[in-house]
Structures are given as structure tokens and as C-alpha cells.
Amino acid sequence: MSDSSLPSPLPRVEYWCELQCPDCATALDDVRALRAAYGDRLEIVLRHFPLEKHKHALAAAQAAEEAFAQGQGWPYVEAVLARTGELGRRGEALLVDVARELGLDAEELDTALIDGRHMLAVDADHAEGQAIGVTGTPTYVVAGKRLDGGKSQDGLREQIIGLLGP
């Protein structure tokens, strides 16, 4: 017997992101608004889609995976996205500094970048993104529908809300 007083489960939101992408930094406003509106009922999953044009994007994706392993993934992602220009200039040094600023084990994050322990996860995300037609970032997948935000993010939040339902 089901309890009709419980809200119906929401489809998860996949946020295909690249941590050196200024558009992804802007898209965080939508992610925050969705979290505020739906709270714990909504699962937002970061998916990595590093672009070749950003030379530190692959390292940033691996660093984010290590931050998730250390329990601070979203704060780390938001902190790095807030500094995309600086990431372009400083590269991996910034990634380690952000870890230190957030109280993560920065030496372990640096080691993870060296030993590549998260490379398979990042590569798997990228391959899956290509398979489903992701070509740029930010891109969302909600209820099986891909919403591309690389050219324009206008109206994306409303489209996502429409796919999530009441």
C-alpha cells in the first residue's frame, strides 16, 4: 500500500558541466534555485564534460571527483566555477589552493591529480555525454530530455521545472 501523502519522486537532474566554463558558472544560479525550490527531494548529479579548448578542465574534473570523495564535492565545484578565469591562468595550483581553502586534504587532492585515480570516472562521463549528444556545457538531462545551455540559458530553469512536474 502506498502513502499518497508522500510527494511523488522527482526525476534526477544531470548537470553536465566543465569547471573552466564561464557559462557553467552562470548556470549555478539555476542549480541553486532548483535546490532552494525542491530541497532534498531533488537529486542533482554533476556529470563531467571537459572541453578540449580549456586546458585545465580535465584536471579540474578529476579534482572535483576527489573533493566528492572527501565529502565536499559541491562546495568545491562552486568554488572552482567562481574562479574560472583564475583557473585558466594558474591551473592545478588553483585546484589545490581551493581544496586547502575548503579544509580538504589538499595533499591528497594533489596526489589524486598525479596518480589519475579519478580519470576513469571522468572519461566515462565524457563518453556517455558524447553518446547522448552532449556537445557543450552546460547541458542538463531531465526525465530523459537533453537541454543544451551552451548557446543560451534563457528559459532553461523554467524548462527543467516543467519536466520535474509539481
Protein backbone atom coordinates (compact mmCIF):
# COMPACT_ATOMS: atom_id res chain seq x y z
CA MET A 1 0.00 0.00 0.00
CA SER A 2 1.43 3.38 -0.94
CA ASP A 3 1.25 6.52 1.13
CA SER A 4 -0.39 9.18 -1.05
CA SER A 5 0.71 11.91 1.35
CA LEU A 6 4.33 11.47 0.24
CA PRO A 7 5.39 13.66 -2.67
CA SER A 8 5.94 11.78 -5.89
CA PRO A 9 9.59 11.13 -6.63
CA LEU A 10 11.23 13.64 -8.92
CA PRO A 11 13.37 12.69 -11.89
CA ARG A 12 17.01 13.35 -11.21
CA VAL A 13 18.73 16.28 -12.86
CA GLU A 14 22.05 15.60 -14.53
CA TYR A 15 24.13 18.76 -14.77
CA TRP A 16 26.76 18.25 -17.47
CA CYS A 17 29.46 20.72 -16.58
CA GLU A 18 33.01 21.78 -17.29
CA LEU A 19 34.77 23.54 -14.44
CA GLN A 20 36.66 26.03 -16.61
CA CYS A 21 33.48 27.10 -18.43
CA PRO A 22 32.15 30.58 -17.57
CA ASP A 23 28.66 29.57 -18.78
CA CYS A 24 28.66 26.73 -16.24
CA ALA A 25 29.48 29.26 -13.52
CA THR A 26 26.44 31.29 -14.57
CA ALA A 27 24.31 28.14 -14.66
CA LEU A 28 24.99 27.60 -10.96
CA ASP A 29 22.27 30.18 -10.29
CA ASP A 30 19.78 27.74 -11.83
CA VAL A 31 21.19 24.82 -9.83
CA ARG A 32 20.91 26.83 -6.60
CA ALA A 33 17.36 27.91 -7.44
CA LEU A 34 16.34 24.30 -8.10
CA ARG A 35 17.86 23.22 -4.79
CA ALA A 36 16.02 26.02 -2.99
CA ALA A 37 12.70 25.13 -4.63
CA TYR A 38 12.86 21.34 -4.23
CA GLY A 39 15.28 20.76 -1.36
CA ASP A 40 16.27 17.19 -0.61
CA ARG A 41 13.55 15.80 -2.88
CA LEU A 42 15.64 16.69 -5.93
CA GLU A 43 18.82 14.85 -6.79
CA ILE A 44 21.21 16.96 -8.87
CA VAL A 45 24.13 14.95 -10.21
CA LEU A 46 27.28 16.53 -11.57
CA ARG A 47 28.44 14.94 -14.80
CA HIS A 48 31.80 15.87 -16.30
CA PHE A 49 32.22 17.02 -19.87
CA PRO A 50 35.66 18.64 -20.11
CA LEU A 51 36.19 20.51 -23.36
CA GLU A 52 39.47 20.42 -25.25
CA LYS A 53 39.55 24.22 -25.58
CA HIS A 54 40.10 24.55 -21.80
CA LYS A 55 43.44 23.02 -20.91
CA HIS A 56 42.75 22.68 -17.16
CA ALA A 57 39.21 21.26 -17.45
CA LEU A 58 40.27 17.62 -17.26
CA ALA A 59 42.36 18.19 -14.12
CA ALA A 60 39.51 20.21 -12.60
CA ALA A 61 37.06 17.35 -13.20
CA GLN A 62 39.43 14.90 -11.51
CA ALA A 63 39.93 17.30 -8.60
CA ALA A 64 36.15 17.63 -8.21
CA GLU A 65 35.84 13.84 -8.03
CA GLU A 66 38.43 13.80 -5.25
CA ALA A 67 36.51 16.57 -3.47
CA PHE A 68 33.34 14.44 -3.70
CA ALA A 69 35.33 11.50 -2.28
CA GLN A 70 36.30 13.76 0.62
CA GLY A 71 32.67 14.83 1.19
CA GLN A 72 32.91 18.39 -0.17
CA GLY A 73 32.11 17.96 -3.84
CA TRP A 74 29.50 20.65 -4.43
CA PRO A 75 31.26 23.33 -2.35
CA TYR A 76 34.43 22.56 -4.30
CA VAL A 77 32.67 22.71 -7.67
CA GLU A 78 31.06 26.03 -6.80
CA ALA A 79 34.37 27.49 -5.55
CA VAL A 80 36.23 26.46 -8.71
CA LEU A 81 33.47 27.71 -11.01
CA ALA A 82 33.60 31.07 -9.22
CA ARG A 83 37.23 31.34 -10.38
CA THR A 84 37.21 30.08 -13.98
CA GLY A 85 39.47 32.90 -15.18
CA GLU A 86 41.98 32.23 -12.44
CA LEU A 87 41.88 28.50 -13.24
CA GLY A 88 42.84 29.37 -16.81
CA ARG A 89 45.89 31.26 -15.55
CA ARG A 90 47.00 29.11 -12.60
CA GLY A 91 45.84 25.60 -13.47
CA GLU A 92 46.40 22.82 -10.97
CA ALA A 93 47.88 25.18 -8.36
CA LEU A 94 44.46 26.83 -8.05
CA LEU A 95 42.74 23.45 -7.72
CA VAL A 96 44.97 22.55 -4.77
CA ASP A 97 44.55 26.01 -3.22
CA VAL A 98 40.75 25.76 -3.38
CA ALA A 99 40.92 22.37 -1.66
CA ARG A 100 43.05 23.87 1.10
CA GLU A 101 40.69 26.86 1.47
CA LEU A 102 37.73 24.49 1.94
CA GLY A 103 39.57 22.40 4.53
CA LEU A 104 40.01 19.38 2.29
CA ASP A 105 43.12 17.25 2.34
CA ALA A 106 44.89 19.30 -0.35
CA GLU A 107 47.90 16.98 -0.48
CA GLU A 108 45.60 14.02 -1.18
CA LEU A 109 43.85 16.01 -3.91
CA ASP A 110 47.24 16.82 -5.44
CA THR A 111 48.18 13.13 -5.26
CA ALA A 112 44.89 12.20 -6.94
CA LEU A 113 45.77 14.53 -9.81
CA ILE A 114 49.17 12.90 -10.14
CA ASP A 115 48.03 9.27 -9.92
CA GLY A 116 44.90 9.78 -12.03
CA ARG A 117 42.65 7.72 -9.75
CA HIS A 118 39.52 9.55 -10.94
CA MET A 119 40.37 9.55 -14.65
CA LEU A 120 38.14 6.56 -15.44
CA ALA A 121 35.09 8.22 -13.87
CA VAL A 122 35.70 11.45 -15.78
CA ASP A 123 36.33 9.57 -19.04
CA ALA A 124 33.16 7.51 -18.52
CA ASP A 125 31.08 10.67 -18.04
CA HIS A 126 32.58 12.24 -21.15
CA ALA A 127 31.94 9.13 -23.25
CA GLU A 128 28.35 8.87 -22.01
CA GLY A 129 27.82 12.56 -22.72
CA GLN A 130 29.02 12.11 -26.29
CA ALA A 131 26.77 9.06 -26.69
CA ILE A 132 23.66 11.01 -25.67
CA GLY A 133 24.52 14.05 -27.78
CA VAL A 134 26.12 16.45 -25.31
CA THR A 135 28.27 18.82 -27.36
CA GLY A 136 28.89 21.66 -24.92
CA THR A 137 28.32 22.88 -21.42
CA PRO A 138 26.20 23.47 -19.50
CA THR A 139 23.78 20.76 -20.56
CA TYR A 140 21.04 19.25 -18.43
CA VAL A 141 19.32 15.90 -18.77
CA VAL A 142 15.97 15.71 -17.00
CA ALA A 143 13.50 12.86 -17.40
CA GLY A 144 15.42 11.67 -20.46
CA LYS A 145 15.29 15.07 -22.18
CA ARG A 146 18.52 16.92 -23.00
CA LEU A 147 18.51 20.69 -22.55
CA ASP A 148 21.52 22.49 -24.03
CA GLY A 149 22.59 25.67 -22.32
CA GLY A 150 25.86 26.34 -24.12
CA LYS A 151 24.42 28.89 -26.54
CA SER A 152 21.73 30.35 -24.28
CA GLN A 153 20.48 29.61 -20.82
CA ASP A 154 17.36 31.73 -21.24
CA GLY A 155 14.33 29.79 -20.10
CA LEU A 156 16.26 26.66 -19.10
CA ARG A 157 15.23 26.81 -15.45
CA GLU A 158 11.57 27.00 -16.47
CA GLN A 159 12.01 24.06 -18.85
CA ILE A 160 13.64 22.00 -16.09
CA ILE A 161 10.82 22.85 -13.66
CA GLY A 162 8.30 21.86 -16.31
CA LEU A 163 9.99 18.47 -16.69
CA LEU A 164 10.14 17.95 -12.93
CA GLY A 165 6.40 18.42 -12.59
CA PRO A 166 4.52 19.60 -9.49
